[in-house]
Amino acid sequence: MAVMKNLACYVSNSGNGLESYRFISANGPARLQTDIRITALALVPDPALGTRDTPHDRVS
């Protein structure tokens, strides 16, 4: 859940959206005080999900 909160803060603070092929550095481990090695996120489209139009925008 902390990762989702951090993504929301990233979008809000930077003004950047979560477009396909975006690389987002976590500037360190995604979760402190754990053995996790995730230090960044890469956003890629999932061809199995396709594209959806929503009341707020198009999601892919």
Protein backbone atom coordinates (compact mmCIF):
# COMPACT_ATOMS: atom_id res chain seq x y z
CA MET A 1 0.00 0.00 0.00
CA ALA A 2 2.91 2.37 0.65
CA VAL A 3 4.00 2.06 -2.98
CA MET A 4 0.57 3.22 -4.18
CA LYS A 5 0.66 6.16 -1.76
CA ASN A 6 4.12 7.12 -3.00
CA LEU A 7 2.93 6.91 -6.62
CA ALA A 8 0.03 9.22 -5.82
CA CYS A 9 2.45 11.69 -4.19
CA TYR A 10 4.76 11.46 -7.22
CA VAL A 11 1.91 12.29 -9.61
CA SER A 12 0.61 15.09 -7.40
CA ASN A 13 4.00 16.69 -6.73
CA SER A 14 5.57 16.30 -10.18
CA GLY A 15 2.54 16.86 -12.37
CA ASN A 16 3.61 13.82 -14.41
CA GLY A 17 1.06 11.19 -15.30
CA LEU A 18 1.59 7.45 -15.28
CA GLU A 19 2.06 6.95 -19.01
CA SER A 20 3.33 3.77 -20.60
CA TYR A 21 7.09 3.27 -20.72
CA ARG A 22 7.75 5.63 -17.84
CA PHE A 23 10.59 4.77 -15.43
CA ILE A 24 10.17 6.04 -11.87
CA SER A 25 13.07 5.84 -9.45
CA ALA A 26 12.21 5.19 -5.81
CA ASN A 27 15.48 6.85 -4.74
CA GLY A 28 16.21 3.82 -2.59
CA PRO A 29 14.31 0.69 -1.52
CA ALA A 30 10.57 0.73 -2.19
CA ARG A 31 10.05 -0.14 1.46
CA LEU A 32 12.47 0.70 4.22
CA GLN A 33 13.60 -1.75 6.90
CA THR A 34 12.92 -4.80 4.72
CA ASP A 35 15.00 -7.03 2.47
CA ILE A 36 13.18 -5.77 -0.64
CA ARG A 37 15.44 -4.94 -3.60
CA ILE A 38 12.91 -2.99 -5.66
CA THR A 39 14.31 0.51 -6.22
CA ALA A 40 12.28 1.67 -9.23
CA LEU A 41 9.10 1.08 -11.18
CA ALA A 42 8.75 0.67 -14.93
CA LEU A 43 5.31 1.16 -16.43
CA VAL A 44 4.54 -0.93 -19.52
CA PRO A 45 1.25 -1.71 -21.25
CA ASP A 46 -0.30 -5.15 -20.79
CA PRO A 47 -1.55 -6.32 -24.20
CA ALA A 48 -3.95 -8.76 -22.53
CA LEU A 49 -5.80 -5.87 -20.84
CA GLY A 50 -6.02 -3.59 -23.87
CA THR A 51 -7.34 -0.03 -23.60
CA ARG A 52 -10.45 1.13 -21.75
CA ASP A 53 -12.28 4.43 -21.85
CA THR A 54 -13.44 5.62 -18.44
CA PRO A 55 -15.35 8.72 -17.33
CA HIS A 56 -11.99 10.19 -16.22
CA ASP A 57 -9.68 9.27 -19.12
CA ARG A 58 -8.44 6.44 -21.28
CA VAL A 59 -6.63 3.69 -19.39
CA SER A 60 -4.20 1.26 -20.99
